[in-house]
């Protein structure tokens, strides 16, 4: 089975551990469900966080190298998350958004239009996300990735 690289998108700013705990929990749960996955992304490979252009370029490279992008939409994100979402679609990556009924992006039974449009799948649990990733890993034809041009019209 193909080894997949997963990039986790979500809040870093203003969290005491810069998002390390939720990222660790996500990967632990995903690794419990499926094998042969590797986490790449923020908090792993930065060389100089003070050089903002280097950080942005590093994130772009990591998104390009990734197979799957998982967005944590349970915790409100700031500017970086939406940018990474757009880049993921631009690079034709499988995008899975995790949200629940308390998510700021899920109101009155509706998912925020930007998340809905640019996510290939929206799920309410990491178990659901892992099922999609596993099918993608096995190259099942049931997994569909929205093309950038189809979203933009």
Protein backbone atom coordinates (compact mmCIF):
# COMPACT_ATOMS: atom_id res chain seq x y z
CA UNK A 1 0.00 0.00 0.00
CA UNK A 2 1.19 3.49 -0.84
CA UNK A 3 2.63 5.56 2.01
CA UNK A 4 0.60 8.75 2.30
CA UNK A 5 1.76 12.14 3.51
CA UNK A 6 -0.86 14.03 5.49
CA UNK A 7 -0.76 17.77 6.10
CA UNK A 8 -2.90 19.05 8.97
CA UNK A 9 -4.46 22.50 8.64
CA UNK A 10 -5.72 24.28 11.70
CA UNK A 11 -5.15 26.81 14.38
CA UNK A 12 -1.68 27.59 15.66
CA UNK A 13 -2.03 31.23 16.71
CA UNK A 14 -2.94 31.92 20.35
CA UNK A 15 -2.86 28.26 21.40
CA UNK A 16 -0.49 27.59 24.32
CA UNK A 17 1.26 24.77 22.45
CA UNK A 18 0.81 26.29 18.95
CA UNK A 19 -1.57 23.49 18.01
CA UNK A 20 0.77 20.63 18.80
CA UNK A 21 -1.72 18.78 21.04
CA UNK A 22 -4.62 18.70 18.60
CA UNK A 23 -2.25 17.70 15.76
CA UNK A 24 -0.76 14.91 17.90
CA UNK A 25 -4.28 13.71 18.78
CA UNK A 26 -5.37 13.76 15.12
CA UNK A 27 -2.36 11.73 14.00
CA UNK A 28 -2.67 9.29 16.89
CA UNK A 29 -6.30 8.63 15.99
CA UNK A 30 -5.59 8.36 12.27
CA UNK A 31 -2.63 6.03 12.88
CA UNK A 32 -4.92 3.90 15.04
CA UNK A 33 -7.27 3.49 12.06
CA UNK A 34 -4.86 3.11 9.12
CA UNK A 35 -1.23 2.24 8.49
CA UNK A 36 1.50 3.72 6.36
CA UNK A 37 0.80 7.42 6.85
CA UNK A 38 3.23 10.19 7.68
CA UNK A 39 2.48 13.63 9.08
CA UNK A 40 4.06 16.70 7.53
CA UNK A 41 3.26 20.31 8.15
CA UNK A 42 3.46 23.13 10.62
CA UNK A 43 5.47 22.51 13.77
CA UNK A 44 7.53 19.77 12.15
CA UNK A 45 9.85 21.23 9.58
CA UNK A 46 10.28 24.97 10.18
CA UNK A 47 13.83 26.20 10.21
CA UNK A 48 13.20 29.84 11.14
CA UNK A 49 9.73 30.93 12.31
CA UNK A 50 10.78 34.59 12.37
CA UNK A 51 11.26 34.64 8.59
CA UNK A 52 7.61 34.84 7.52
CA UNK A 53 8.33 34.30 3.81
CA UNK A 54 10.36 31.20 4.64
CA UNK A 55 7.43 29.88 6.70
CA UNK A 56 4.97 30.50 3.86
CA UNK A 57 7.26 28.91 1.28
CA UNK A 58 7.84 25.93 3.53
CA UNK A 59 4.09 25.43 4.01
CA UNK A 60 3.54 25.63 0.25
CA UNK A 61 6.26 23.02 -0.37
CA UNK A 62 4.80 20.73 2.28
CA UNK A 63 1.30 21.03 0.81
CA UNK A 64 2.72 20.22 -2.63
CA UNK A 65 4.47 17.12 -1.25
CA UNK A 66 1.39 15.94 0.65
CA UNK A 67 -1.22 13.51 -0.59
CA UNK A 68 -4.02 14.38 1.82
CA UNK A 69 -4.93 17.61 3.58
CA UNK A 70 -7.03 17.40 6.74
CA UNK A 71 -8.60 20.60 8.00
CA UNK A 72 -9.51 20.95 11.65
CA UNK A 73 -12.60 23.17 11.43
CA UNK A 74 -13.70 22.36 14.97
CA UNK A 75 -11.36 25.01 16.38
CA UNK A 76 -11.70 28.42 14.68
CA UNK A 77 -8.71 29.06 12.46
CA UNK A 78 -7.13 32.34 11.45
CA UNK A 79 -5.58 33.52 8.19
CA UNK A 80 -3.28 30.58 7.39
CA UNK A 81 -5.99 27.91 7.31
CA UNK A 82 -8.05 29.37 4.46
CA UNK A 83 -4.88 30.04 2.46
CA UNK A 84 -3.76 26.44 2.90
CA UNK A 85 -7.23 25.24 1.87
CA UNK A 86 -7.02 27.16 -1.40
CA UNK A 87 -3.46 26.00 -2.06
CA UNK A 88 -4.45 22.39 -1.44
CA UNK A 89 -7.15 22.59 -4.10
CA UNK A 90 -4.85 24.48 -6.46
CA UNK A 91 -2.39 21.57 -6.17
CA UNK A 92 -5.23 19.05 -6.62
CA UNK A 93 -4.93 17.43 -3.18
CA UNK A 94 -7.56 15.35 -1.42
CA UNK A 95 -9.06 17.73 1.16
CA UNK A 96 -11.03 16.39 4.12
CA UNK A 97 -12.56 18.85 6.57
CA UNK A 98 -13.42 17.71 10.08
CA UNK A 99 -16.15 19.68 11.84
CA UNK A 100 -18.93 19.06 14.29
CA UNK A 101 -22.22 20.68 15.31
CA UNK A 102 -20.32 23.19 17.48
CA UNK A 103 -17.96 24.26 14.71
CA UNK A 104 -18.05 27.97 13.90
CA UNK A 105 -18.26 26.91 10.24
CA UNK A 106 -21.40 24.78 10.69
CA UNK A 107 -24.53 26.80 11.41
CA UNK A 108 -28.18 25.78 11.19
CA UNK A 109 -27.25 22.50 9.54
CA UNK A 110 -25.19 24.20 6.82
CA UNK A 111 -21.46 24.12 6.20
CA UNK A 112 -19.76 27.42 5.40
CA UNK A 113 -19.84 27.78 1.58
CA UNK A 114 -16.05 28.15 1.22
CA UNK A 115 -15.37 25.00 3.23
CA UNK A 116 -18.08 23.08 1.42
CA UNK A 117 -16.85 24.19 -2.01
CA UNK A 118 -13.15 23.60 -1.48
CA UNK A 119 -13.36 20.40 0.58
CA UNK A 120 -13.68 17.08 -1.18
CA UNK A 121 -15.27 15.60 1.93
CA UNK A 122 -16.66 17.03 5.16
CA UNK A 123 -16.85 14.63 8.07
CA UNK A 124 -17.73 14.77 11.75
CA UNK A 125 -15.06 12.39 13.01
CA UNK A 126 -11.51 11.29 12.36
CA UNK A 127 -12.80 7.75 11.98
CA UNK A 128 -14.79 8.92 8.94
CA UNK A 129 -11.71 10.77 7.65
CA UNK A 130 -9.59 7.63 8.09
CA UNK A 131 -12.10 5.57 6.08
CA UNK A 132 -11.80 8.01 3.17
CA UNK A 133 -8.00 8.09 3.43
CA UNK A 134 -7.84 4.31 3.45
CA UNK A 135 -9.96 4.08 0.29
CA UNK A 136 -7.76 6.72 -1.34
CA UNK A 137 -4.66 4.82 -0.25
CA UNK A 138 -6.02 1.69 -1.92
CA UNK A 139 -6.73 3.74 -5.06
CA UNK A 140 -10.44 3.00 -4.94
CA UNK A 141 -12.34 4.75 -7.70
CA UNK A 142 -15.05 5.88 -5.27
CA UNK A 143 -12.84 8.69 -3.95
CA UNK A 144 -13.40 11.90 -5.88
CA UNK A 145 -11.15 14.98 -5.80
CA UNK A 146 -12.73 18.23 -6.94
CA UNK A 147 -10.71 19.98 -9.63
CA UNK A 148 -9.75 23.62 -9.14
CA UNK A 149 -11.34 24.59 -12.48
CA UNK A 150 -14.62 22.89 -11.55
CA UNK A 151 -14.88 24.87 -8.34
CA UNK A 152 -14.14 28.18 -10.03
CA UNK A 153 -16.46 27.48 -12.96
